[in-house]
PDB file of N, CA and C in Angstrom:
ATOM      1  N   UNK A   1       0.169   0.762  14.959  1.00  0.00           N
ATOM      2  CA  UNK A   1      -0.701  -0.239  14.950  1.00  0.00           C
ATOM      3  C   UNK A   1      -0.511  -0.732  13.997  1.00  0.00           C
ATOM      4  N   UNK A   2      -1.499  -2.003  13.159  1.00  0.00           N
ATOM      5  CA  UNK A   2      -1.300  -2.758  12.517  1.00  0.00           C
ATOM      6  C   UNK A   2      -1.659  -1.696  10.677  1.00  0.00           C
ATOM      7  N   UNK A   3      -1.831  -2.584   9.648  1.00  0.00           N
ATOM      8  CA  UNK A   3      -2.157  -1.525   8.572  1.00  0.00           C
ATOM      9  C   UNK A   3      -3.505  -1.312   8.262  1.00  0.00           C
ATOM     10  N   UNK A   4      -3.449  -0.839   7.396  1.00  0.00           N
ATOM     11  CA  UNK A   4      -5.031  -0.568   7.118  1.00  0.00           C
ATOM     12  C   UNK A   4      -5.064  -0.889   5.912  1.00  0.00           C
ATOM     13  N   UNK A   5      -6.409  -2.132   6.418  1.00  0.00           N
ATOM     14  CA  UNK A   5      -6.879  -3.362   5.914  1.00  0.00           C
ATOM     15  C   UNK A   5      -8.791  -2.072   5.578  1.00  0.00           C
ATOM     16  N   UNK A   6      -9.332  -3.472   5.272  1.00  0.00           N
ATOM     17  CA  UNK A   6     -11.196  -2.928   5.019  1.00  0.00           C
ATOM     18  C   UNK A   6     -11.449  -3.943   6.200  1.00  0.00           C
ATOM     19  N   UNK A   7     -10.849  -4.601   7.148  1.00  0.00           N
ATOM     20  CA  UNK A   7     -11.731  -5.061   7.936  1.00  0.00           C
ATOM     21  C   UNK A   7     -11.525  -3.724   9.353  1.00  0.00           C
ATOM     22  N   UNK A   8     -10.564  -3.072   9.359  1.00  0.00           N
ATOM     23  CA  UNK A   8      -9.749  -2.156  10.539  1.00  0.00           C
ATOM     24  C   UNK A   8     -10.170  -0.752   9.829  1.00  0.00           C
ATOM     25  N   UNK A   9     -10.322  -0.028   8.777  1.00  0.00           N
ATOM     26  CA  UNK A   9     -10.745   1.291   8.419  1.00  0.00           C
ATOM     27  C   UNK A   9     -12.216   1.443   7.776  1.00  0.00           C
ATOM     28  N   UNK A  10     -12.843   0.163   7.438  1.00  0.00           N
ATOM     29  CA  UNK A  10     -14.431   0.164   7.420  1.00  0.00           C
ATOM     30  C   UNK A  10     -13.959   0.967   5.128  1.00  0.00           C
ATOM     31  N   UNK A  11     -15.135   2.146   5.135  1.00  0.00           N
ATOM     32  CA  UNK A  11     -14.088   3.518   3.851  1.00  0.00           C
ATOM     33  C   UNK A  11     -14.036   3.975   3.758  1.00  0.00           C
ATOM     34  N   UNK A  12     -13.019   4.161   4.771  1.00  0.00           N
ATOM     35  CA  UNK A  12     -11.396   5.017   4.922  1.00  0.00           C
ATOM     36  C   UNK A  12     -11.380   5.126   3.912  1.00  0.00           C
ATOM     37  N   UNK A  13     -10.762   3.392   3.167  1.00  0.00           N
ATOM     38  CA  UNK A  13      -9.345   3.419   2.725  1.00  0.00           C
ATOM     39  C   UNK A  13     -10.346   3.989   1.158  1.00  0.00           C
ATOM     40  N   UNK A  14     -11.333   3.923   1.338  1.00  0.00           N
ATOM     41  CA  UNK A  14     -11.756   4.570  -0.547  1.00  0.00           C
ATOM     42  C   UNK A  14     -11.896   5.818  -0.073  1.00  0.00           C
ATOM     43  N   UNK A  15     -12.783   6.384   0.727  1.00  0.00           N
ATOM     44  CA  UNK A  15     -12.403   7.645   0.760  1.00  0.00           C
ATOM     45  C   UNK A  15     -10.677   8.458   0.145  1.00  0.00           C
ATOM     46  N   UNK A  16      -9.768   8.328   0.784  1.00  0.00           N
ATOM     47  CA  UNK A  16      -8.994   8.363   0.961  1.00  0.00           C
ATOM     48  C   UNK A  16      -8.805   8.132  -0.854  1.00  0.00           C
ATOM     49  N   UNK A  17      -8.842   6.814  -1.748  1.00  0.00           N
ATOM     50  CA  UNK A  17      -8.525   7.185  -2.485  1.00  0.00           C
ATOM     51  C   UNK A  17      -9.040   8.280  -3.587  1.00  0.00           C
ATOM     52  N   UNK A  18     -10.379   7.582  -3.239  1.00  0.00           N
ATOM     53  CA  UNK A  18     -11.394   9.467  -4.049  1.00  0.00           C
ATOM     54  C   UNK A  18     -10.831  10.665  -3.835  1.00  0.00           C
ATOM     55  N   UNK A  19     -10.526  11.024  -2.411  1.00  0.00           N
ATOM     56  CA  UNK A  19      -9.959  12.118  -2.189  1.00  0.00           C
ATOM     57  C   UNK A  19      -7.963  12.572  -3.121  1.00  0.00           C
ATOM     58  N   UNK A  20      -7.113  12.404  -2.772  1.00  0.00           N
ATOM     59  CA  UNK A  20      -6.019  12.173  -2.910  1.00  0.00           C
ATOM     60  C   UNK A  20      -5.598  11.571  -4.154  1.00  0.00           C
ATOM     61  N   UNK A  21      -6.162   9.989  -4.561  1.00  0.00           N
ATOM     62  CA  UNK A  21      -5.389   9.719  -5.559  1.00  0.00           C
ATOM     63  C   UNK A  21      -5.221  10.003  -7.334  1.00  0.00           C
ATOM     64  N   UNK A  22      -4.543   9.859  -7.624  1.00  0.00           N
ATOM     65  CA  UNK A  22      -3.890  10.800  -8.726  1.00  0.00           C
ATOM     66  C   UNK A  22      -2.896  10.044  -9.593  1.00  0.00           C
ATOM     67  N   UNK A  23      -2.862   9.856 -10.783  1.00  0.00           N
ATOM     68  CA  UNK A  23      -2.456   9.501 -12.164  1.00  0.00           C
ATOM     69  C   UNK A  23      -1.467   9.232 -11.893  1.00  0.00           C
ATOM     70  N   UNK A  24      -0.239   8.338 -11.797  1.00  0.00           N
ATOM     71  CA  UNK A  24       0.886   8.311 -11.279  1.00  0.00           C
ATOM     72  C   UNK A  24       0.856   7.479  -9.678  1.00  0.00           C
ATOM     73  N   UNK A  25       0.052   7.739  -9.074  1.00  0.00           N
ATOM     74  CA  UNK A  25      -0.271   7.651  -7.925  1.00  0.00           C
ATOM     75  C   UNK A  25      -0.199   5.592  -8.111  1.00  0.00           C
ATOM     76  N   UNK A  26       0.652   5.153  -6.702  1.00  0.00           N
ATOM     77  CA  UNK A  26       0.350   3.998  -6.077  1.00  0.00           C
ATOM     78  C   UNK A  26      -0.727   4.024  -5.310  1.00  0.00           C
ATOM     79  N   UNK A  27      -1.654   3.310  -4.683  1.00  0.00           N
ATOM     80  CA  UNK A  27      -2.186   2.423  -3.920  1.00  0.00           C
ATOM     81  C   UNK A  27      -2.108   1.557  -3.658  1.00  0.00           C
ATOM     82  N   UNK A  28      -1.131   0.610  -1.791  1.00  0.00           N
ATOM     83  CA  UNK A  28      -1.143  -0.285  -1.750  1.00  0.00           C
ATOM     84  C   UNK A  28      -1.962  -0.792  -0.602  1.00  0.00           C
ATOM     85  N   UNK A  29      -2.190  -2.281  -1.098  1.00  0.00           N
ATOM     86  CA  UNK A  29      -3.394  -2.769  -0.409  1.00  0.00           C
ATOM     87  C   UNK A  29      -2.788  -3.877   0.202  1.00  0.00           C
ATOM     88  N   UNK A  30      -2.802  -4.625   1.427  1.00  0.00           N
ATOM     89  CA  UNK A  30      -2.807  -6.145   2.205  1.00  0.00           C
ATOM     90  C   UNK A  30      -3.723  -6.532   2.256  1.00  0.00           C
ATOM     91  N   UNK A  31      -4.305  -7.541   2.101  1.00  0.00           N
ATOM     92  CA  UNK A  31      -5.050  -8.443   2.977  1.00  0.00           C
ATOM     93  C   UNK A  31      -4.861 -10.155   2.654  1.00  0.00           C
ATOM     94  N   UNK A  32      -5.365 -10.330   3.935  1.00  0.00           N
ATOM     95  CA  UNK A  32      -4.408 -12.108   4.029  1.00  0.00           C
ATOM     96  C   UNK A  32      -5.431 -12.559   3.175  1.00  0.00           C
ATOM     97  N   UNK A  33      -6.534 -12.435   2.644  1.00  0.00           N
ATOM     98  CA  UNK A  33      -7.020 -13.622   1.579  1.00  0.00           C
ATOM     99  C   UNK A  33      -7.891 -13.235   0.290  1.00  0.00           C
ATOM    100  N   UNK A  34      -8.101 -11.439  -0.056  1.00  0.00           N
ATOM    101  CA  UNK A  34      -8.211 -10.906  -0.818  1.00  0.00           C
ATOM    102  C   UNK A  34      -9.393 -10.890  -1.253  1.00  0.00           C
ATOM    103  N   UNK A  35      -9.794 -11.648  -0.302  1.00  0.00           N
ATOM    104  CA  UNK A  35     -11.481 -11.069  -0.551  1.00  0.00           C
ATOM    105  C   UNK A  35     -12.267  -9.661   0.385  1.00  0.00           C
ATOM    106  N   UNK A  36     -12.092  -9.307   0.624  1.00  0.00           N
ATOM    107  CA  UNK A  36     -12.821  -8.282   1.654  1.00  0.00           C
ATOM    108  C   UNK A  36     -12.707  -6.478   0.647  1.00  0.00           C
ATOM    109  N   UNK A  37     -14.333  -6.840   0.619  1.00  0.00           N
ATOM    110  CA  UNK A  37     -14.699  -5.901   0.143  1.00  0.00           C
ATOM    111  C   UNK A  37     -14.310  -4.612   0.005  1.00  0.00           C
ATOM    112  N   UNK A  38     -14.399  -3.762   1.002  1.00  0.00           N
ATOM    113  CA  UNK A  38     -13.834  -2.695   0.871  1.00  0.00           C
ATOM    114  C   UNK A  38     -12.701  -2.169  -0.200  1.00  0.00           C
ATOM    115  N   UNK A  39     -11.600  -3.216   0.102  1.00  0.00           N
ATOM    116  CA  UNK A  39     -10.538  -2.783  -0.837  1.00  0.00           C
ATOM    117  C   UNK A  39     -11.021  -3.080  -1.986  1.00  0.00           C
ATOM    118  N   UNK A  40     -11.710  -4.147  -2.366  1.00  0.00           N
ATOM    119  CA  UNK A  40     -12.104  -4.363  -3.454  1.00  0.00           C
ATOM    120  C   UNK A  40     -12.700  -3.054  -3.984  1.00  0.00           C
ATOM    121  N   UNK A  41     -14.123  -1.956  -3.321  1.00  0.00           N
ATOM    122  CA  UNK A  41     -14.154  -0.405  -3.640  1.00  0.00           C
ATOM    123  C   UNK A  41     -12.203  -0.136  -3.541  1.00  0.00           C
ATOM    124  N   UNK A  42     -11.856  -0.440  -3.405  1.00  0.00           N
ATOM    125  CA  UNK A  42     -10.421   0.610  -3.367  1.00  0.00           C
ATOM    126  C   UNK A  42      -9.693   0.510  -4.371  1.00  0.00           C
ATOM    127  N   UNK A  43      -9.376  -0.652  -4.944  1.00  0.00           N
ATOM    128  CA  UNK A  43      -9.169  -0.658  -6.140  1.00  0.00           C
ATOM    129  C   UNK A  43      -9.895  -0.041  -7.603  1.00  0.00           C
ATOM    130  N   UNK A  44     -11.494  -0.480  -6.857  1.00  0.00           N
ATOM    131  CA  UNK A  44     -12.004   0.629  -8.513  1.00  0.00           C
ATOM    132  C   UNK A  44     -12.294   2.066  -7.833  1.00  0.00           C
ATOM    133  N   UNK A  45     -11.524   2.614  -6.779  1.00  0.00           N
ATOM    134  CA  UNK A  45     -11.922   3.440  -6.849  1.00  0.00           C
ATOM    135  C   UNK A  45     -10.793   4.381  -7.421  1.00  0.00           C
ATOM    136  N   UNK A  46      -9.045   3.453  -6.816  1.00  0.00           N
ATOM    137  CA  UNK A  46      -8.594   3.524  -7.297  1.00  0.00           C
ATOM    138  C   UNK A  46      -7.773   3.870  -9.227  1.00  0.00           C
ATOM    139  N   UNK A  47      -8.713   3.214  -9.731  1.00  0.00           N
ATOM    140  CA  UNK A  47      -9.285   2.585 -11.135  1.00  0.00           C
ATOM    141  C   UNK A  47      -9.309   3.688 -11.409  1.00  0.00           C
ATOM    142  N   UNK A  48     -10.707   3.887 -11.589  1.00  0.00           N
ATOM    143  CA  UNK A  48     -11.895   5.443 -11.931  1.00  0.00           C
ATOM    144  C   UNK A  48     -10.547   6.845 -11.844  1.00  0.00           C
ATOM    145  N   UNK A  49      -9.509   7.554 -11.562  1.00  0.00           N
ATOM    146  CA  UNK A  49      -8.728   8.435 -10.497  1.00  0.00           C
ATOM    147  C   UNK A  49      -7.225   8.432 -11.334  1.00  0.00           C
ATOM    148  N   UNK A  50      -7.272   6.510 -12.442  1.00  0.00           N
ATOM    149  CA  UNK A  50      -5.850   6.470 -12.721  1.00  0.00           C
ATOM    150  C   UNK A  50      -4.791   6.963 -12.013  1.00  0.00           C
ATOM    151  N   UNK A  51      -4.939   6.098 -10.876  1.00  0.00           N
ATOM    152  CA  UNK A  51      -3.732   5.397  -9.870  1.00  0.00           C
ATOM    153  C   UNK A  51      -4.155   3.878  -9.749  1.00  0.00           C
ATOM    154  N   UNK A  52      -2.420   3.928  -9.637  1.00  0.00           N
ATOM    155  CA  UNK A  52      -2.470   2.009  -9.343  1.00  0.00           C
ATOM    156  C   UNK A  52      -2.392   1.209  -8.418  1.00  0.00           C
ATOM    157  N   UNK A  53      -2.414   0.234  -8.503  1.00  0.00           N
ATOM    158  CA  UNK A  53      -2.738  -0.416  -7.115  1.00  0.00           C
ATOM    159  C   UNK A  53      -1.386  -2.224  -6.957  1.00  0.00           C
ATOM    160  N   UNK A  54      -1.168  -2.133  -5.972  1.00  0.00           N
ATOM    161  CA  UNK A  54      -0.094  -2.934  -5.778  1.00  0.00           C
ATOM    162  C   UNK A  54      -0.704  -3.476  -4.766  1.00  0.00           C
ATOM    163  N   UNK A  55      -1.336  -4.938  -4.773  1.00  0.00           N
ATOM    164  CA  UNK A  55      -1.070  -6.126  -3.765  1.00  0.00           C
ATOM    165  C   UNK A  55      -0.871  -6.733  -3.006  1.00  0.00           C
ATOM    166  N   UNK A  56      -0.436  -7.489  -1.975  1.00  0.00           N
ATOM    167  CA  UNK A  56       0.166  -7.881  -1.415  1.00  0.00           C
ATOM    168  C   UNK A  56      -0.868  -8.898  -0.790  1.00  0.00           C
ATOM    169  N   UNK A  57      -0.554  -9.654  -0.632  1.00  0.00           N
ATOM    170  CA  UNK A  57      -2.255 -10.692  -0.039  1.00  0.00           C
ATOM    171  C   UNK A  57      -1.356 -11.953   0.213  1.00  0.00           C
ATOM    172  N   UNK A  58      -1.928 -12.637   0.337  1.00  0.00           N
ATOM    173  CA  UNK A  58      -2.372 -14.763   0.760  1.00  0.00           C
ATOM    174  C   UNK A  58      -2.578 -14.989  -0.224  1.00  0.00           C
ATOM    175  N   UNK A  59      -2.216 -16.274  -0.375  1.00  0.00           N
ATOM    176  CA  UNK A  59      -2.712 -17.097  -1.772  1.00  0.00           C
ATOM    177  C   UNK A  59      -3.214 -16.750  -2.938  1.00  0.00           C
ATOM    178  N   UNK A  60      -3.119 -16.860  -4.022  1.00  0.00           N
ATOM    179  CA  UNK A  60      -3.938 -16.538  -5.223  1.00  0.00           C
ATOM    180  C   UNK A  60      -4.072 -18.088  -5.807  1.00  0.00           C
ATOM    181  N   UNK A  61      -5.561 -18.083  -6.608  1.00  0.00           N
ATOM    182  CA  UNK A  61      -6.167 -16.943  -6.634  1.00  0.00           C
ATOM    183  C   UNK A  61      -6.846 -16.744  -5.943  1.00  0.00           C
ATOM    184  N   UNK A  62      -7.377 -15.079  -5.792  1.00  0.00           N
ATOM    185  CA  UNK A  62      -7.890 -14.213  -5.154  1.00  0.00           C
ATOM    186  C   UNK A  62      -8.449 -13.145  -5.734  1.00  0.00           C
ATOM    187  N   UNK A  63      -9.983 -12.597  -6.032  1.00  0.00           N
ATOM    188  CA  UNK A  63     -11.136 -10.821  -6.453  1.00  0.00           C
ATOM    189  C   UNK A  63      -9.567  -9.954  -6.336  1.00  0.00           C
ATOM    190  N   UNK A  64      -9.127  -9.359  -4.902  1.00  0.00           N
ATOM    191  CA  UNK A  64      -7.682  -8.238  -5.017  1.00  0.00           C
ATOM    192  C   UNK A  64      -5.934  -8.265  -5.920  1.00  0.00           C
ATOM    193  N   UNK A  65      -5.897  -9.657  -6.041  1.00  0.00           N
ATOM    194  CA  UNK A  65      -4.729  -9.492  -6.921  1.00  0.00           C
ATOM    195  C   UNK A  65      -5.447  -9.863  -7.895  1.00  0.00           C
ATOM    196  N   UNK A  66      -6.390 -10.470  -9.022  1.00  0.00           N
ATOM    197  CA  UNK A  66      -7.011 -10.258  -9.828  1.00  0.00           C
ATOM    198  C   UNK A  66      -7.858  -8.868 -10.515  1.00  0.00           C
ATOM    199  N   UNK A  67      -7.783  -8.107  -9.726  1.00  0.00           N
ATOM    200  CA  UNK A  67      -8.206  -6.602 -10.047  1.00  0.00           C
ATOM    201  C   UNK A  67      -6.974  -5.934  -9.863  1.00  0.00           C
ATOM    202  N   UNK A  68      -6.043  -5.384  -9.018  1.00  0.00           N
ATOM    203  CA  UNK A  68      -4.334  -4.984  -8.763  1.00  0.00           C
ATOM    204  C   UNK A  68      -3.773  -4.470 -10.042  1.00  0.00           C
ATOM    205  N   UNK A  69      -3.686  -3.799 -10.564  1.00  0.00           N
ATOM    206  CA  UNK A  69      -2.095  -3.044 -11.555  1.00  0.00           C
ATOM    207  C   UNK A  69      -1.639  -4.276 -11.880  1.00  0.00           C
ATOM    208  N   UNK A  70      -0.967  -4.484  -9.632  1.00  0.00           N
ATOM    209  CA  UNK A  70       0.489  -5.592  -9.656  1.00  0.00           C
ATOM    210  C   UNK A  70      -0.083  -6.686  -8.315  1.00  0.00           C
ATOM    211  N   UNK A  71       0.400  -7.322  -7.833  1.00  0.00           N
ATOM    212  CA  UNK A  71       0.090  -7.952  -6.740  1.00  0.00           C
ATOM    213  C   UNK A  71       1.112  -9.000  -6.767  1.00  0.00           C
ATOM    214  N   UNK A  72       1.790  -8.802  -5.322  1.00  0.00           N
ATOM    215  CA  UNK A  72       2.213 -10.910  -5.262  1.00  0.00           C
ATOM    216  C   UNK A  72       1.765 -11.539  -4.028  1.00  0.00           C
ATOM    217  N   UNK A  73       1.434 -12.642  -4.541  1.00  0.00           N
ATOM    218  CA  UNK A  73       0.553 -13.739  -3.331  1.00  0.00           C
ATOM    219  C   UNK A  73       1.550 -14.155  -2.693  1.00  0.00           C
ATOM    220  N   UNK A  74       1.704 -14.079  -2.129  1.00  0.00           N
ATOM    221  CA  UNK A  74       2.831 -15.246  -0.373  1.00  0.00           C
ATOM    222  C   UNK A  74       1.535 -15.933  -0.219  1.00  0.00           C
ATOM    223  N   UNK A  75       2.518 -17.302  -0.396  1.00  0.00           N
ATOM    224  CA  UNK A  75       2.152 -18.733   0.162  1.00  0.00           C
ATOM    225  C   UNK A  75       2.293 -18.753   1.955  1.00  0.00           C
ATOM    226  N   UNK A  76       1.800 -19.691   2.143  1.00  0.00           N
ATOM    227  CA  UNK A  76       2.410 -19.799   3.486  1.00  0.00           C
ATOM    228  C   UNK A  76       0.658 -19.844   4.228  1.00  0.00           C
ATOM    229  N   UNK A  77       0.775 -19.631   5.896  1.00  0.00           N
ATOM    230  CA  UNK A  77      -0.212 -19.903   6.782  1.00  0.00           C
ATOM    231  C   UNK A  77      -0.252 -18.544   6.519  1.00  0.00           C
ATOM    232  N   UNK A  78      -1.739 -17.927   7.508  1.00  0.00           N
ATOM    233  CA  UNK A  78      -2.384 -16.054   7.689  1.00  0.00           C
ATOM    234  C   UNK A  78      -0.902 -15.866   8.403  1.00  0.00           C
ATOM    235  N   UNK A  79      -0.198 -15.971   9.449  1.00  0.00           N
ATOM    236  CA  UNK A  79       0.846 -15.448  10.389  1.00  0.00           C
ATOM    237  C   UNK A  79       2.210 -15.456   9.520  1.00  0.00           C
ATOM    238  N   UNK A  80       2.725 -16.602   8.765  1.00  0.00           N
ATOM    239  CA  UNK A  80       3.022 -15.678   7.812  1.00  0.00           C
ATOM    240  C   UNK A  80       2.750 -14.910   7.138  1.00  0.00           C
ATOM    241  N   UNK A  81       2.047 -14.552   6.024  1.00  0.00           N
ATOM    242  CA  UNK A  81       2.056 -13.915   5.581  1.00  0.00           C
ATOM    243  C   UNK A  81       2.174 -12.554   5.923  1.00  0.00           C
ATOM    244  N   UNK A  82       0.933 -12.345   7.165  1.00  0.00           N
ATOM    245  CA  UNK A  82       0.866 -10.896   7.952  1.00  0.00           C
ATOM    246  C   UNK A  82       2.491 -10.239   7.986  1.00  0.00           C
ATOM    247  N   UNK A  83       3.269 -11.697   8.962  1.00  0.00           N
ATOM    248  CA  UNK A  83       4.655 -11.434   8.506  1.00  0.00           C
ATOM    249  C   UNK A  83       5.384 -10.611   7.997  1.00  0.00           C
ATOM    250  N   UNK A  84       4.569 -11.490   6.355  1.00  0.00           N
ATOM    251  CA  UNK A  84       4.970 -10.637   4.923  1.00  0.00           C
ATOM    252  C   UNK A  84       5.341  -9.876   4.801  1.00  0.00           C
ATOM    253  N   UNK A  85       4.020 -10.045   5.059  1.00  0.00           N
ATOM    254  CA  UNK A  85       3.772  -8.042   5.069  1.00  0.00           C
ATOM    255  C   UNK A  85       4.652  -7.323   5.467  1.00  0.00           C
ATOM    256  N   UNK A  86       4.347  -7.540   7.003  1.00  0.00           N
ATOM    257  CA  UNK A  86       4.861  -5.880   8.168  1.00  0.00           C
ATOM    258  C   UNK A  86       6.386  -5.833   6.809  1.00  0.00           C
ATOM    259  N   UNK A  87       7.120  -6.915   7.218  1.00  0.00           N
ATOM    260  CA  UNK A  87       8.650  -6.503   6.543  1.00  0.00           C
ATOM    261  C   UNK A  87       8.190  -5.715   5.330  1.00  0.00           C
ATOM    262  N   UNK A  88       7.443  -6.359   4.119  1.00  0.00           N
ATOM    263  CA  UNK A  88       7.352  -4.613   3.483  1.00  0.00           C
ATOM    264  C   UNK A  88       6.994  -3.611   3.728  1.00  0.00           C
ATOM    265  N   UNK A  89       6.196  -3.051   4.853  1.00  0.00           N
ATOM    266  CA  UNK A  89       6.220  -2.073   5.142  1.00  0.00           C
ATOM    267  C   UNK A  89       6.762  -1.469   5.775  1.00  0.00           C
ATOM    268  N   UNK A  90       7.981  -2.723   6.978  1.00  0.00           N
ATOM    269  CA  UNK A  90       8.880  -1.319   7.549  1.00  0.00           C
ATOM    270  C   UNK A  90       9.998  -1.567   6.755  1.00  0.00           C
ATOM    271  N   UNK A  91      10.273  -2.386   5.342  1.00  0.00           N
ATOM    272  CA  UNK A  91      11.289  -1.932   4.474  1.00  0.00           C
ATOM    273  C   UNK A  91      11.072  -0.949   3.689  1.00  0.00           C
ATOM    274  N   UNK A  92       9.597  -0.656   3.443  1.00  0.00           N
ATOM    275  CA  UNK A  92       8.805   1.159   2.516  1.00  0.00           C
ATOM    276  C   UNK A  92       9.705   1.737   3.330  1.00  0.00           C
ATOM    277  N   UNK A  93       8.648   1.554   5.158  1.00  0.00           N
ATOM    278  CA  UNK A  93       9.441   3.170   6.128  1.00  0.00           C
ATOM    279  C   UNK A  93      11.054   3.499   5.736  1.00  0.00           C
ATOM    280  N   UNK A  94      11.650   2.188   6.028  1.00  0.00           N
ATOM    281  CA  UNK A  94      13.244   2.683   5.810  1.00  0.00           C
ATOM    282  C   UNK A  94      13.863   3.766   4.185  1.00  0.00           C
ATOM    283  N   UNK A  95      13.488   2.977   3.135  1.00  0.00           N
ATOM    284  CA  UNK A  95      14.044   3.754   2.228  1.00  0.00           C
ATOM    285  C   UNK A  95      13.309   5.343   2.575  1.00  0.00           C
ATOM    286  N   UNK A  96      11.767   5.059   2.774  1.00  0.00           N
ATOM    287  CA  UNK A  96      11.283   6.640   2.856  1.00  0.00           C
ATOM    288  C   UNK A  96      12.045   7.234   3.571  1.00  0.00           C
ATOM    289  N   UNK A  97      12.230   7.180   5.439  1.00  0.00           N
ATOM    290  CA  UNK A  97      13.671   7.568   6.035  1.00  0.00           C
ATOM    291  C   UNK A  97      14.621   7.658   5.758  1.00  0.00           C
ATOM    292  N   UNK A  98      15.706   6.574   4.222  1.00  0.00           N
ATOM    293  CA  UNK A  98      16.254   7.410   3.950  1.00  0.00           C
ATOM    294  C   UNK A  98      16.539   8.538   3.055  1.00  0.00           C
ATOM    295  N   UNK A  99      15.327   8.410   2.186  1.00  0.00           N
ATOM    296  CA  UNK A  99      15.378   9.390   1.024  1.00  0.00           C
ATOM    297  C   UNK A  99      15.386  10.764   1.547  1.00  0.00           C
ATOM    298  N   UNK A 100      14.353  10.695   2.880  1.00  0.00           N
ATOM    299  CA  UNK A 100      13.957  12.889   3.928  1.00  0.00           C
ATOM    300  C   UNK A 100      15.447  12.775   3.969  1.00  0.00           C
ATOM    301  N   UNK A 101      16.299  11.787   4.672  1.00  0.00           N
ATOM    302  CA  UNK A 101      17.397  12.444   5.004  1.00  0.00           C
ATOM    303  C   UNK A 101      17.785  12.714   4.195  1.00  0.00           C
ATOM    304  N   UNK A 102      18.277  12.484   3.151  1.00  0.00           N
ATOM    305  CA  UNK A 102      18.628  12.314   1.673  1.00  0.00           C
ATOM    306  C   UNK A 102      18.942  13.784   1.702  1.00  0.00           C
ATOM    307  N   UNK A 103      17.246  13.983   1.283  1.00  0.00           N
ATOM    308  CA  UNK A 103      16.258  15.186   0.762  1.00  0.00           C
ATOM    309  C   UNK A 103      17.369  16.565   1.540  1.00  0.00           C
ATOM    310  N   UNK A 104      16.946  16.147   2.917  1.00  0.00           N
ATOM    311  CA  UNK A 104      17.007  16.598   4.134  1.00  0.00           C
ATOM    312  C   UNK A 104      18.671  17.851   3.566  1.00  0.00           C
ATOM    313  N   UNK A 105      19.535  16.697   3.711  1.00  0.00           N
ATOM    314  CA  UNK A 105      20.210  17.425   3.520  1.00  0.00           C
ATOM    315  C   UNK A 105      21.704  17.799   2.465  1.00  0.00           C
ATOM    316  N   UNK A 106      20.085  17.764   1.047  1.00  0.00           N
ATOM    317  CA  UNK A 106      20.342  18.615  -0.427  1.00  0.00           C
ATOM    318  C   UNK A 106      20.155  20.075  -0.251  1.00  0.00           C
ATOM    319  N   UNK A 107      19.122  20.077   0.842  1.00  0.00           N
ATOM    320  CA  UNK A 107      18.295  21.421   0.010  1.00  0.00           C
ATOM    321  C   UNK A 107      19.438  22.733   0.355  1.00  0.00           C
ATOM    322  N   UNK A 108      18.707  23.636   0.009  1.00  0.00           N
ATOM    323  CA  UNK A 108      19.673  24.909   0.026  1.00  0.00           C
ATOM    324  C   UNK A 108      20.160  25.176   1.687  1.00  0.00           C
ATOM    325  N   UNK A 109      19.631  25.431   2.115  1.00  0.00           N
ATOM    326  CA  UNK A 109      19.171  25.328   4.078  1.00  0.00           C
ATOM    327  C   UNK A 109      20.588  24.936   4.827  1.00  0.00           C
ATOM    328  N   UNK A 110      19.944  23.101   4.572  1.00  0.00           N
ATOM    329  CA  UNK A 110      21.436  22.963   4.796  1.00  0.00           C
ATOM    330  C   UNK A 110      22.545  23.204   4.357  1.00  0.00           C
ATOM    331  N   UNK A 111      22.318  23.167   2.931  1.00  0.00           N
ATOM    332  CA  UNK A 111      23.868  23.726   2.980  1.00  0.00           C
ATOM    333  C   UNK A 111      24.075  25.186   3.365  1.00  0.00           C
ATOM    334  N   UNK A 112      24.071  25.981   3.258  1.00  0.00           N
ATOM    335  CA  UNK A 112      24.652  27.103   3.769  1.00  0.00           C
ATOM    336  C   UNK A 112      24.853  26.501   5.452  1.00  0.00           C
ATOM    337  N   UNK A 113      24.218  25.570   6.092  1.00  0.00           N
ATOM    338  CA  UNK A 113      24.698  25.500   7.172  1.00  0.00           C
ATOM    339  C   UNK A 113      25.573  24.235   7.515  1.00  0.00           C
ATOM    340  N   UNK A 114      25.924  23.672   7.615  1.00  0.00           N
ATOM    341  CA  UNK A 114      27.464  22.299   6.267  1.00  0.00           C
ATOM    342  C   UNK A 114      28.304  23.166   6.211  1.00  0.00           C
TER     343      UNK A 114
END
């Protein structure tokens, strides 16, 4: 499915940040225009929890970039921004898959079987 945005999830994003956000965690927020009220509430909730926020948005300035701990504002039209966001998510997924495979190969059970 599409990346989670305030438009697709309502306040579920905020509830997840409140329930699971801890100091040292990072909440990654994707938006085209950086003006979604739900994502802004998620940044506020993350800040209260001591959680960093990374925003990947369309052109700056925008409120989400201003409020996030760190941001990348992408130039281009909405289609180009969304394509870049999908690419970023896919690369992040690939890193996780690789790291999980590495972790599995180095667990005591995997060494006993190998």
